[in-house]
């Protein structure tokens, strides 16, 4: 198994987001198993023809999302907490549900707001 990244420099979203999304997707699908050692920032930047800062930005976002973890000089690895994204999403959903309830929105309006936000986030809006 190996990290497989295909970037489209002329497309939206920008390269760092394409990189972040592809690594996250491969980690969540199991294509990159827990403990898989990712390339160094500089190494991956060279392989992909990107600036090191672009790769570093993607790695920082992945680490913030709990998808990867940096172990100092040992490198960067796919994190053991495979369900962390789902847990974080559930926590966010619970907070959202409580907030819209306090605002007095009915379920239809709350779902419509989520639907619109997801369409915008995934570029379908």
Protein backbone atom coordinates (compact mmCIF):
# COMPACT_ATOMS: atom_id res chain seq x y z
CA UNK A 1 0.00 0.00 0.00
CA UNK A 2 1.19 3.46 -0.82
CA UNK A 3 0.01 7.01 -0.66
CA UNK A 4 -1.57 7.93 -3.99
CA UNK A 5 -2.16 11.61 -4.68
CA UNK A 6 -3.41 13.17 -7.89
CA UNK A 7 -3.62 16.96 -7.96
CA UNK A 8 -5.24 19.19 -10.53
CA UNK A 9 -3.43 22.54 -10.27
CA UNK A 10 -6.11 24.39 -12.25
CA UNK A 11 -9.05 23.06 -10.27
CA UNK A 12 -10.87 24.19 -7.20
CA UNK A 13 -10.29 23.52 -4.34
CA UNK A 14 -6.66 24.65 -4.03
CA UNK A 15 -3.82 22.07 -3.98
CA UNK A 16 -3.44 21.96 -0.18
CA UNK A 17 -7.15 21.13 0.18
CA UNK A 18 -6.99 18.50 -2.57
CA UNK A 19 -4.03 16.95 -0.74
CA UNK A 20 -5.77 17.13 2.65
CA UNK A 21 -8.96 15.56 1.29
CA UNK A 22 -7.16 12.72 -0.49
CA UNK A 23 -5.03 11.77 2.52
CA UNK A 24 -8.07 11.96 4.81
CA UNK A 25 -10.12 9.83 2.43
CA UNK A 26 -7.42 7.20 2.11
CA UNK A 27 -6.93 7.08 5.89
CA UNK A 28 -10.67 6.75 6.58
CA UNK A 29 -11.16 4.08 3.90
CA UNK A 30 -8.28 2.00 5.25
CA UNK A 31 -6.17 2.41 2.11
CA UNK A 32 -3.67 4.05 4.47
CA UNK A 33 -3.81 1.97 7.64
CA UNK A 34 -3.32 3.20 11.18
CA UNK A 35 0.38 3.74 11.78
CA UNK A 36 1.24 4.25 8.11
CA UNK A 37 4.23 6.60 7.92
CA UNK A 38 3.61 9.55 5.63
CA UNK A 39 6.39 11.16 3.61
CA UNK A 40 8.15 14.18 5.07
CA UNK A 41 6.73 17.56 4.17
CA UNK A 42 9.71 18.34 1.96
CA UNK A 43 9.74 14.89 0.37
CA UNK A 44 6.06 14.97 -0.51
CA UNK A 45 6.36 18.57 -1.74
CA UNK A 46 9.16 17.52 -4.10
CA UNK A 47 7.26 14.46 -5.31
CA UNK A 48 4.14 16.51 -6.06
CA UNK A 49 5.87 19.64 -7.34
CA UNK A 50 4.39 21.75 -4.56
CA UNK A 51 5.82 24.29 -2.16
CA UNK A 52 6.71 22.80 1.22
CA UNK A 53 4.36 25.31 2.87
CA UNK A 54 1.45 23.89 0.85
CA UNK A 55 2.11 20.36 2.13
CA UNK A 56 2.72 21.65 5.66
CA UNK A 57 -0.65 23.43 5.59
CA UNK A 58 -2.39 20.21 4.56
CA UNK A 59 -0.58 18.23 7.27
CA UNK A 60 -1.53 20.82 9.92
CA UNK A 61 -5.20 20.58 8.91
CA UNK A 62 -5.07 16.77 8.96
CA UNK A 63 -3.47 16.81 12.40
CA UNK A 64 -6.09 19.25 13.69
CA UNK A 65 -8.77 16.86 12.38
CA UNK A 66 -7.16 13.89 14.15
CA UNK A 67 -6.40 12.06 10.91
CA UNK A 68 -2.62 12.13 11.34
CA UNK A 69 -0.20 12.60 14.20
CA UNK A 70 3.33 13.91 14.27
CA UNK A 71 5.78 12.07 16.49
CA UNK A 72 8.62 14.56 16.51
CA UNK A 73 11.70 13.35 14.65
CA UNK A 74 10.10 9.95 14.11
CA UNK A 75 7.78 11.35 11.47
CA UNK A 76 4.11 11.74 10.68
CA UNK A 77 1.71 8.82 10.83
CA UNK A 78 -1.92 7.97 10.19
CA UNK A 79 -3.55 8.34 13.61
CA UNK A 80 -4.88 5.38 15.56
CA UNK A 81 -8.23 7.06 16.23
CA UNK A 82 -9.98 6.02 13.03
CA UNK A 83 -13.37 7.08 14.38
CA UNK A 84 -12.23 10.54 15.51
CA UNK A 85 -13.85 12.29 12.55
CA UNK A 86 -17.17 10.61 13.20
CA UNK A 87 -16.98 11.41 16.91
CA UNK A 88 -16.15 15.05 16.20
CA UNK A 89 -19.00 15.26 13.70
CA UNK A 90 -21.42 13.78 16.24
CA UNK A 91 -20.29 16.30 18.86
CA UNK A 92 -20.72 19.16 16.39
CA UNK A 93 -24.15 17.87 15.38
CA UNK A 94 -25.25 17.67 19.00
CA UNK A 95 -24.08 21.23 19.65
CA UNK A 96 -25.86 22.39 16.49
CA UNK A 97 -29.10 20.66 17.48
CA UNK A 98 -29.02 22.29 20.91
CA UNK A 99 -28.27 25.71 19.39
CA UNK A 100 -31.09 25.63 16.81
CA UNK A 101 -33.48 24.45 19.50
CA UNK A 102 -32.52 27.45 21.68
CA UNK A 103 -33.02 29.70 18.64
CA UNK A 104 -36.53 28.34 18.23
CA UNK A 105 -36.02 26.81 14.78
CA UNK A 106 -38.10 23.81 13.84
CA UNK A 107 -36.52 20.62 12.51
CA UNK A 108 -37.27 21.51 8.87
CA UNK A 109 -35.45 24.84 9.14
CA UNK A 110 -32.53 23.24 10.97
CA UNK A 111 -32.17 20.53 8.30
CA UNK A 112 -32.40 23.12 5.52
CA UNK A 113 -29.57 25.12 7.10
CA UNK A 114 -27.39 22.00 7.30
CA UNK A 115 -28.26 21.04 3.73
CA UNK A 116 -27.28 24.50 2.44
CA UNK A 117 -24.03 24.50 4.43
CA UNK A 118 -23.05 21.06 3.13
CA UNK A 119 -23.81 22.02 -0.46
CA UNK A 120 -21.59 25.09 -0.07
CA UNK A 121 -18.80 23.13 1.63
CA UNK A 122 -18.75 20.47 -1.09
CA UNK A 123 -18.94 23.03 -3.89
CA UNK A 124 -22.43 22.14 -5.05
CA UNK A 125 -24.12 25.34 -4.09
